[in-house]
N, C-alpha and C. Protein backbone atom coordinates (compact mmCIF):
# COMPACT_ATOMS: atom_id res chain seq x y z
N UNK A 1 0.92 -1.10 -0.02
CA UNK A 1 -0.05 0.01 -0.06
C UNK A 1 0.81 1.32 0.04
N UNK A 2 0.51 2.12 -0.79
CA UNK A 2 1.35 3.48 -0.97
C UNK A 2 0.70 4.50 0.20
N UNK A 3 1.60 5.09 0.85
CA UNK A 3 1.30 6.10 1.75
C UNK A 3 0.33 7.24 1.34
N UNK A 4 0.31 7.30 -0.03
CA UNK A 4 -0.46 8.51 -0.49
C UNK A 4 -1.99 8.07 -0.56
N UNK A 5 -2.30 6.76 -0.35
CA UNK A 5 -3.63 6.33 -0.29
C UNK A 5 -4.38 7.04 0.69
N UNK A 6 -3.76 7.69 1.46
CA UNK A 6 -4.56 8.49 2.75
C UNK A 6 -5.16 9.70 1.99
N UNK A 7 -4.67 10.09 0.90
CA UNK A 7 -5.17 11.32 0.43
C UNK A 7 -6.51 11.29 -0.15
N UNK A 8 -6.94 9.71 -0.61
CA UNK A 8 -8.19 9.56 -1.30
C UNK A 8 -9.39 10.12 -0.31
N UNK A 9 -9.40 9.70 0.87
CA UNK A 9 -10.51 9.95 1.68
C UNK A 9 -10.41 11.57 1.93
N UNK A 10 -9.38 12.29 1.82
CA UNK A 10 -9.31 13.68 1.91
C UNK A 10 -9.93 14.11 0.72
N UNK A 11 -9.76 13.72 -0.52
CA UNK A 11 -10.33 14.21 -1.65
C UNK A 11 -11.73 14.03 -1.53
N UNK A 12 -12.28 12.74 -1.29
CA UNK A 12 -13.78 12.72 -1.22
C UNK A 12 -14.36 13.55 -0.24
N UNK A 13 -13.78 13.72 1.02
CA UNK A 13 -14.29 14.75 2.04
C UNK A 13 -14.33 16.25 1.37
N UNK A 14 -13.44 16.55 0.66
CA UNK A 14 -13.38 17.86 -0.04
C UNK A 14 -14.53 17.96 -1.02
N UNK A 15 -14.69 16.85 -1.70
CA UNK A 15 -15.94 16.63 -2.64
C UNK A 15 -17.16 16.99 -2.08
N UNK A 16 -17.30 16.35 -0.88
CA UNK A 16 -18.54 16.61 -0.02
C UNK A 16 -18.75 18.13 0.35
N UNK A 17 -17.70 18.73 0.76
CA UNK A 17 -17.91 20.00 1.03
C UNK A 17 -18.24 20.95 -0.23
N UNK A 18 -17.69 20.58 -1.47
CA UNK A 18 -18.00 21.19 -2.61
C UNK A 18 -19.53 21.03 -2.91
N UNK A 19 -20.14 19.83 -2.73
CA UNK A 19 -21.38 19.45 -2.93
C UNK A 19 -22.19 20.20 -2.04
N UNK A 20 -21.85 20.25 -0.81
CA UNK A 20 -22.74 21.31 0.21
C UNK A 20 -22.78 22.56 -0.20
N UNK A 21 -21.73 23.21 -0.72
CA UNK A 21 -21.74 24.68 -1.35
C UNK A 21 -22.71 24.67 -2.31
N UNK A 22 -22.75 23.74 -3.35
CA UNK A 22 -23.67 23.76 -4.37
C UNK A 22 -24.96 23.73 -3.78
N UNK A 23 -25.47 22.70 -3.04
CA UNK A 23 -26.87 22.71 -2.48
C UNK A 23 -27.08 23.87 -1.67
N UNK A 24 -26.37 24.35 -0.94
CA UNK A 24 -26.59 25.81 -0.10
C UNK A 24 -26.95 26.77 -1.07
N UNK A 25 -26.02 26.91 -2.11
CA UNK A 25 -26.38 28.00 -3.17
C UNK A 25 -27.63 27.78 -3.80
N UNK A 26 -28.00 26.69 -4.35
CA UNK A 26 -29.28 26.35 -4.85
C UNK A 26 -30.36 26.63 -4.06
N UNK A 27 -30.37 26.17 -2.75
CA UNK A 27 -31.53 26.49 -1.79
C UNK A 27 -31.70 27.88 -1.61
N UNK A 28 -30.42 28.68 -1.49
CA UNK A 28 -30.61 30.17 -1.42
C UNK A 28 -31.46 30.73 -2.75
N UNK A 29 -30.83 30.26 -3.79
CA UNK A 29 -31.41 30.76 -5.11
C UNK A 29 -33.04 30.36 -5.12
N UNK A 30 -33.37 29.16 -4.79
CA UNK A 30 -34.73 28.67 -4.70
C UNK A 30 -35.63 29.63 -3.73
N UNK A 31 -35.09 30.12 -2.71
CA UNK A 31 -35.78 30.70 -1.58
C UNK A 31 -36.10 32.14 -2.28
N UNK A 32 -35.07 32.73 -3.03
CA UNK A 32 -35.11 33.93 -3.47
C UNK A 32 -36.13 34.10 -4.75
N UNK A 33 -36.14 32.98 -5.56
CA UNK A 33 -37.11 32.96 -6.56
C UNK A 33 -38.69 32.66 -5.93
N UNK A 34 -38.74 32.02 -4.92
CA UNK A 34 -39.93 31.53 -4.26
C UNK A 34 -40.53 32.95 -3.40
N UNK A 35 -39.70 34.10 -3.41
CA UNK A 35 -40.17 35.15 -2.75
C UNK A 35 -39.92 35.07 -1.09
N UNK A 36 -39.43 34.08 -0.70
CA UNK A 36 -39.30 33.74 0.77
C UNK A 36 -38.23 34.86 1.34
N UNK A 37 -37.38 35.26 0.67
CA UNK A 37 -36.40 36.09 1.12
C UNK A 37 -35.70 37.00 -0.02
N UNK A 38 -35.24 38.16 0.13
CA UNK A 38 -34.43 39.03 -0.96
C UNK A 38 -33.01 38.47 -0.82
N UNK A 39 -32.43 38.51 -2.06
CA UNK A 39 -31.05 38.13 -2.12
C UNK A 39 -30.22 39.08 -1.25
N UNK A 40 -30.59 40.34 -1.22
CA UNK A 40 -29.71 41.20 -0.34
C UNK A 40 -29.64 40.79 1.09
N UNK A 41 -30.81 40.02 1.54
CA UNK A 41 -30.78 39.54 3.02
C UNK A 41 -29.64 38.54 3.28
N UNK A 42 -28.98 37.97 2.25
CA UNK A 42 -27.92 37.14 2.39
C UNK A 42 -26.62 37.65 2.80
N UNK A 43 -26.39 39.11 2.90
CA UNK A 43 -25.23 39.78 3.08
C UNK A 43 -24.82 39.44 4.54
N UNK A 44 -25.87 39.60 5.38
CA UNK A 44 -25.51 39.38 6.94
C UNK A 44 -26.82 38.34 7.13
N UNK A 45 -26.88 37.20 6.92
CA UNK A 45 -28.09 36.41 7.07
C UNK A 45 -28.43 36.24 8.59
N UNK A 46 -29.56 36.99 8.94
CA UNK A 46 -30.12 36.95 10.37
C UNK A 46 -31.13 36.02 10.32
N UNK A 47 -31.86 36.07 9.30
CA UNK A 47 -32.90 35.08 9.17
C UNK A 47 -32.73 34.45 7.86
N UNK A 48 -32.76 33.15 7.73
CA UNK A 48 -32.66 32.32 6.60
C UNK A 48 -33.69 31.25 6.53
N UNK A 49 -34.36 31.04 5.41
CA UNK A 49 -35.17 29.97 5.31
C UNK A 49 -34.58 28.53 5.69
N UNK A 50 -35.25 27.64 6.31
CA UNK A 50 -34.77 26.57 6.86
C UNK A 50 -34.12 25.69 5.92
N UNK A 51 -34.53 25.47 4.75
CA UNK A 51 -33.77 24.36 3.86
C UNK A 51 -32.39 24.96 3.51
N UNK A 52 -32.19 26.27 3.45
CA UNK A 52 -30.83 26.89 3.18
C UNK A 52 -30.03 26.97 4.22
N UNK A 53 -30.65 27.10 5.43
CA UNK A 53 -30.03 27.39 6.72
C UNK A 53 -29.42 25.96 7.27
N UNK A 54 -30.02 24.81 7.10
CA UNK A 54 -29.59 23.67 7.32
C UNK A 54 -28.24 23.38 6.58
N UNK A 55 -28.47 23.58 5.25
CA UNK A 55 -27.24 23.35 4.48
C UNK A 55 -26.16 24.32 4.84
N UNK A 56 -26.26 25.52 5.09
CA UNK A 56 -25.31 26.33 5.54
C UNK A 56 -24.73 25.85 6.84
N UNK A 57 -25.37 25.56 7.77
CA UNK A 57 -25.01 25.01 9.07
C UNK A 57 -24.04 23.78 8.85
N UNK A 58 -24.63 22.83 7.80
CA UNK A 58 -23.96 21.64 7.65
C UNK A 58 -22.52 22.15 6.93
N UNK A 59 -22.42 22.97 6.11
CA UNK A 59 -21.30 23.48 5.51
C UNK A 59 -20.41 23.79 6.58
N UNK A 60 -20.84 24.76 7.69
CA UNK A 60 -19.93 25.21 8.71
C UNK A 60 -19.33 24.00 9.42
N UNK A 61 -20.15 22.87 9.66
CA UNK A 61 -19.62 21.70 10.32
C UNK A 61 -18.63 20.93 9.58
N UNK A 62 -18.63 21.17 8.14
CA UNK A 62 -17.46 20.53 7.30
C UNK A 62 -16.17 21.28 7.67
N UNK A 63 -16.21 22.20 8.36
CA UNK A 63 -14.88 22.97 8.73
C UNK A 63 -14.64 22.96 10.17
N UNK A 64 -15.18 22.04 10.79
CA UNK A 64 -15.04 21.84 12.32
C UNK A 64 -14.13 20.61 12.53
N UNK A 65 -14.81 19.34 12.64
CA UNK A 65 -14.19 18.04 13.00
C UNK A 65 -13.31 17.77 11.77
N UNK A 66 -13.89 17.81 10.73
CA UNK A 66 -13.20 17.47 9.33
C UNK A 66 -11.56 18.22 9.28
N UNK A 67 -11.59 19.56 9.80
CA UNK A 67 -10.29 20.05 9.85
C UNK A 67 -9.26 19.24 10.63
N UNK A 68 -9.65 18.77 11.81
CA UNK A 68 -8.83 17.94 12.57
C UNK A 68 -8.36 16.61 11.78
N UNK A 69 -9.46 16.04 11.03
CA UNK A 69 -9.35 14.99 10.12
C UNK A 69 -8.12 15.21 9.09
N UNK A 70 -8.19 16.42 8.32
CA UNK A 70 -7.12 16.71 7.45
C UNK A 70 -5.84 16.76 7.90
N UNK A 71 -5.83 17.53 9.05
CA UNK A 71 -4.46 17.64 9.91
C UNK A 71 -3.88 16.14 10.10
N UNK A 72 -4.62 15.33 10.70
CA UNK A 72 -4.05 14.04 11.33
C UNK A 72 -3.71 13.19 10.08
N UNK A 73 -4.48 13.43 8.96
CA UNK A 73 -4.00 12.61 7.80
C UNK A 73 -2.64 12.93 7.15
N UNK A 74 -2.59 14.44 6.91
CA UNK A 74 -1.55 14.88 6.37
C UNK A 74 -0.08 14.47 7.37
N UNK A 75 -0.42 14.64 8.59
CA UNK A 75 0.66 14.34 9.39
C UNK A 75 0.98 12.96 9.44
N UNK A 76 0.09 12.16 9.39
CA UNK A 76 0.39 10.50 9.46
C UNK A 76 1.14 10.22 8.09
N UNK A 77 0.76 10.82 7.07
CA UNK A 77 1.53 10.74 5.83
C UNK A 77 2.87 11.30 6.02
N UNK A 78 3.19 12.27 6.66
CA UNK A 78 4.61 12.81 6.81
C UNK A 78 5.30 12.08 7.62
N UNK A 79 4.85 11.40 8.58
CA UNK A 79 5.74 10.48 9.62
C UNK A 79 5.57 8.99 9.14
N UNK A 80 5.05 8.70 8.09
CA UNK A 80 4.88 7.46 7.36
C UNK A 80 4.11 6.46 8.44
N UNK A 81 3.14 7.08 8.98
CA UNK A 81 1.99 6.43 9.84
C UNK A 81 0.97 5.76 9.26
N UNK A 82 0.99 5.67 7.86
CA UNK A 82 -0.40 5.16 7.26
C UNK A 82 -0.16 3.77 6.92
N UNK A 83 -1.27 2.99 7.39
CA UNK A 83 -1.19 1.57 7.26
C UNK A 83 -2.77 1.14 6.79
N UNK A 84 -2.89 -0.05 6.60
CA UNK A 84 -4.36 -0.39 6.25
C UNK A 84 -5.51 -0.16 7.42
N UNK A 85 -5.05 -0.32 8.60
CA UNK A 85 -6.18 0.15 9.61
C UNK A 85 -6.33 1.57 9.67
N UNK A 86 -5.34 2.41 9.37
CA UNK A 86 -5.51 3.86 9.44
C UNK A 86 -6.41 4.21 8.13
N UNK A 87 -6.09 3.62 7.00
CA UNK A 87 -6.88 4.03 5.93
C UNK A 87 -8.25 3.71 6.07
N UNK A 88 -8.47 2.48 6.57
CA UNK A 88 -10.01 2.17 6.80
C UNK A 88 -10.72 3.02 7.78
N UNK A 89 -9.84 3.52 8.85
CA UNK A 89 -10.49 4.52 9.72
C UNK A 89 -10.82 5.79 8.95
N UNK A 90 -9.99 6.07 8.02
CA UNK A 90 -10.04 7.47 7.42
C UNK A 90 -11.41 7.28 6.44
N UNK A 91 -11.47 6.12 5.83
CA UNK A 91 -12.75 5.91 5.23
C UNK A 91 -14.06 5.95 5.99
N UNK A 92 -13.90 5.18 7.17
CA UNK A 92 -15.02 5.43 8.04
C UNK A 92 -15.36 6.68 8.46
N UNK A 93 -14.32 7.58 8.52
CA UNK A 93 -14.64 8.93 8.92
C UNK A 93 -15.44 9.71 7.82
N UNK A 94 -14.89 9.49 6.74
CA UNK A 94 -15.47 10.10 5.46
C UNK A 94 -16.97 9.64 5.30
N UNK A 95 -17.15 8.33 5.41
CA UNK A 95 -18.63 7.82 5.43
C UNK A 95 -19.35 8.37 6.32
N UNK A 96 -18.92 8.39 7.57
CA UNK A 96 -19.65 9.06 8.44
C UNK A 96 -20.19 10.39 8.28
N UNK A 97 -19.09 11.26 7.74
CA UNK A 97 -19.48 12.58 7.48
C UNK A 97 -20.46 12.87 6.23
N UNK A 98 -20.51 11.79 5.19
CA UNK A 98 -21.32 11.86 4.19
C UNK A 98 -22.64 11.65 4.79
N UNK A 99 -22.76 10.54 5.54
CA UNK A 99 -24.04 10.16 6.04
C UNK A 99 -24.63 11.23 6.98
N UNK A 100 -23.61 12.03 7.82
CA UNK A 100 -24.14 13.07 8.74
C UNK A 100 -24.74 14.19 7.73
N UNK A 101 -24.08 14.44 6.88
CA UNK A 101 -24.46 15.44 5.94
C UNK A 101 -25.80 15.34 5.18
N UNK A 102 -25.89 13.98 4.79
CA UNK A 102 -27.26 13.67 4.24
C UNK A 102 -28.34 13.85 5.15
N UNK A 103 -28.23 13.41 6.40
CA UNK A 103 -29.20 13.43 7.23
C UNK A 103 -29.53 14.86 7.64
N UNK A 104 -28.36 15.69 7.79
CA UNK A 104 -28.61 17.04 8.11
C UNK A 104 -29.31 17.78 7.11
N UNK A 105 -29.06 17.61 5.80
CA UNK A 105 -29.77 18.42 4.86
C UNK A 105 -31.06 17.98 4.17
N UNK A 106 -31.25 16.87 4.74
CA UNK A 106 -32.71 16.26 4.29
C UNK A 106 -33.67 16.40 5.42
N UNK A 107 -33.75 15.31 6.22
CA UNK A 107 -34.60 15.27 7.35
C UNK A 107 -33.97 16.13 8.65
N UNK A 108 -32.84 16.31 8.71
CA UNK A 108 -32.24 16.98 9.89
C UNK A 108 -32.82 16.21 11.22
N UNK A 109 -32.92 15.17 11.25
CA UNK A 109 -33.43 14.31 12.43
C UNK A 109 -32.07 14.20 13.29
N UNK A 110 -32.10 14.87 14.56
CA UNK A 110 -31.01 14.70 15.38
C UNK A 110 -30.74 13.46 15.93
N UNK A 111 -31.68 12.62 16.21
CA UNK A 111 -31.59 11.26 16.64
C UNK A 111 -30.90 10.31 15.62
N UNK A 112 -30.97 10.62 14.36
CA UNK A 112 -30.08 9.98 13.48
C UNK A 112 -28.73 10.74 13.22
N UNK A 113 -28.63 11.84 13.18
CA UNK A 113 -27.38 12.63 12.79
C UNK A 113 -26.68 12.56 14.08
N UNK A 114 -27.01 12.44 15.24
CA UNK A 114 -26.03 12.67 16.52
C UNK A 114 -25.01 11.23 16.46
N UNK A 115 -25.68 10.14 16.12
CA UNK A 115 -24.91 8.92 16.16
C UNK A 115 -23.69 8.94 15.12
N UNK A 116 -24.18 9.56 13.91
CA UNK A 116 -23.24 9.63 12.79
C UNK A 116 -22.11 10.54 13.19
N UNK A 117 -22.26 11.62 13.88
CA UNK A 117 -21.42 12.59 14.36
C UNK A 117 -20.53 11.80 15.42
N UNK A 118 -21.09 11.02 16.19
CA UNK A 118 -20.35 10.54 17.32
C UNK A 118 -19.16 9.42 16.69
N UNK A 119 -19.65 8.65 15.57
CA UNK A 119 -18.76 7.69 14.93
C UNK A 119 -17.61 8.53 14.41
N UNK A 120 -17.82 9.46 13.74
CA UNK A 120 -16.76 10.38 13.14
C UNK A 120 -15.77 11.07 14.19
N UNK A 121 -16.44 11.50 15.39
CA UNK A 121 -15.79 12.02 16.47
C UNK A 121 -14.54 11.09 17.12
N UNK A 122 -15.28 9.76 17.29
CA UNK A 122 -14.26 8.82 17.98
C UNK A 122 -13.23 8.23 16.93
N UNK A 123 -13.71 8.11 15.70
CA UNK A 123 -12.76 7.56 14.68
C UNK A 123 -11.49 8.67 14.53
N UNK A 124 -11.96 10.00 14.38
CA UNK A 124 -10.93 11.00 14.47
C UNK A 124 -10.08 10.96 15.74
N UNK A 125 -10.65 10.74 16.89
CA UNK A 125 -9.81 10.66 18.14
C UNK A 125 -8.78 9.47 18.04
N UNK A 126 -9.29 8.27 17.41
CA UNK A 126 -8.59 7.10 17.31
C UNK A 126 -7.24 7.44 16.41
N UNK A 127 -7.59 8.24 15.31
CA UNK A 127 -6.40 8.56 14.39
C UNK A 127 -5.41 9.35 15.10
N UNK A 128 -5.93 10.29 15.87
CA UNK A 128 -4.95 11.20 16.70
C UNK A 128 -4.22 10.20 17.60
N UNK A 129 -4.85 9.42 18.29
CA UNK A 129 -4.10 8.31 19.16
C UNK A 129 -3.15 7.61 18.42
N UNK A 130 -3.25 7.24 17.21
CA UNK A 130 -2.53 6.31 16.45
C UNK A 130 -1.30 7.13 16.14
N UNK A 131 -1.45 8.55 15.89
CA UNK A 131 -0.36 9.49 15.40
C UNK A 131 0.59 9.48 16.73
N UNK A 132 -0.07 9.80 17.83
CA UNK A 132 0.85 9.89 19.06
C UNK A 132 1.54 8.65 19.32
N UNK A 133 0.96 7.54 19.07
CA UNK A 133 1.70 6.17 19.15
C UNK A 133 2.68 6.18 18.09
N UNK A 134 2.63 6.53 16.94
CA UNK A 134 3.68 6.58 15.86
C UNK A 134 4.75 7.37 16.40
N UNK A 135 4.38 8.60 16.87
CA UNK A 135 5.48 9.64 17.13
C UNK A 135 6.33 9.13 18.43
N UNK A 136 5.55 8.49 19.35
CA UNK A 136 6.24 7.82 20.67
C UNK A 136 7.28 6.80 20.38
N UNK A 137 6.92 6.05 19.24
CA UNK A 137 7.79 5.03 18.89
C UNK A 137 8.93 5.54 18.09
N UNK A 138 8.90 6.57 17.40
CA UNK A 138 10.01 7.01 16.57
C UNK A 138 11.24 7.43 17.39
């Protein structure tokens, strides 16, 4: 296995972010066309229609926990800490983020969303613990 394989989950996670940008933009455009809001109200959105608000909130989520994911993956690559279990965990993280985003921008059911977040949270923590182990062994 090549160490660079760790970048594929990062690429997919980044693709998710771009997809959420498109969804948020389309939802905002739809709200303007439907007359629910004026385009100028998005300068400083204090009140936003729920469909676009959930997409925007999810977009913000993609720059919180995933930020730590990007960092740990790049550092694991740099210290030659990538192996099959790490790669598997990276994919689990990305799949959990995709599922979390899907729930968030569709039903927004917190009972479904929270467990998906928790999976990503713990997987990310395990990756950081693995990095610490790799560094301690060096």
